[in-house]
Amino acid sequence: MTISERAQQLLAARTPFVRATVVRAQPPASAYPGDEAILLADGTIEGFVGGQCAQNSVRKAALGALQAGESVLLRVLPDGDVHFPEAPGACVVVNPCLSGGSLEIFLTPQLPPPMIRVYGETPIADALAQVCAVLGYETSRDGELADATAIVIASHGGPEADIIRAALDHGVGYIGLVASRVRGASILDTLGLSDAERARVHTPVGLRIGAKTPAEIAVSIAAELIAGIRAGDVAPAVAVPAPAEAVDPVCGMTVRIGPAAEHLRLAGTDYWFCGPGCRTAFAGKAGA
């Protein structure tokens, strides 16, 4: 499977990842321009963008890019004075374990778009699904709540209270109910919500823009969704876990703790290393 095919597979599964591409290499680096890899949130690297010594630097920067949701140009340099073309905005990492050579790797995070679940077979629900599609959001008219970024109930009846309760229990970031102020309050009153839970339910839903038609109401709802997502108030359903880190006792590099990291346990203490070289050196000194 090629890197592009694997990327499409992960996108279809709504799995966050980083696509890494070597854009410049200085001998004796083992990677070449055009080499690619995919890095998953657990630190797994699929593909090749450098040897063992470079991988830890790439992994750490990629996970940072994934959490920030922003692309970064990573420059991995060996210890010492290295002449490498200036690249404004690049992230520079000095890796003392490199035997020589330098790399520039472009890291592009790929995060699944917000998943908006729209309930109801009404003109407002239809219009909202269309607007969300224009925004690049994924929409669903039914299904599980576990992967929902937001839900909007535009059914004008039915099990609205049950859906709200389920969405609150699943921690959905945005819950919108299309209803008048009086009817919306009446539905929420039946649920016995805490103040914090009640504050998570938007009803009447949407920004106040004087919307009247179904299309205008859909735009007002979408605008409120955008504001919440961009402000960070509406968290994505697919969260990227904060990486656990340790310091390599040999070279002093910060290491991402994970299944791919070099590890040694001595006298009940765990040690993590940037690569097999540091692990071997430490084990030799410790007599392991």
Foldseek 3Di string as FASTA:
>chain_A
DDPVVVVVVCQVVQFKKKKKFWCDKFPPWPADGGWIWIAHLQGDIGTDDGDLQCSQVVSVVLNVCQQVQHKAWEKEFEPDDDDDDDDPRHHYDYRPPDPGMMTIMIMHIDGHAAEEEEEADDLLSVLLCVVCVVVVHHYHPDDDLLQHLEYEYDHVDDPLLVVLVRNVVNVRLAAEYCDAPVVVVVSVVVVPDDPVSVVRYDPVAFDPPPDDDSNSRSVRNVVVVVVCVVVVSRPGSDHRDDFDWDAAPQRRDIGGDHPPWDWDADPNDIHTHSGVVSVVVVCVVVVD
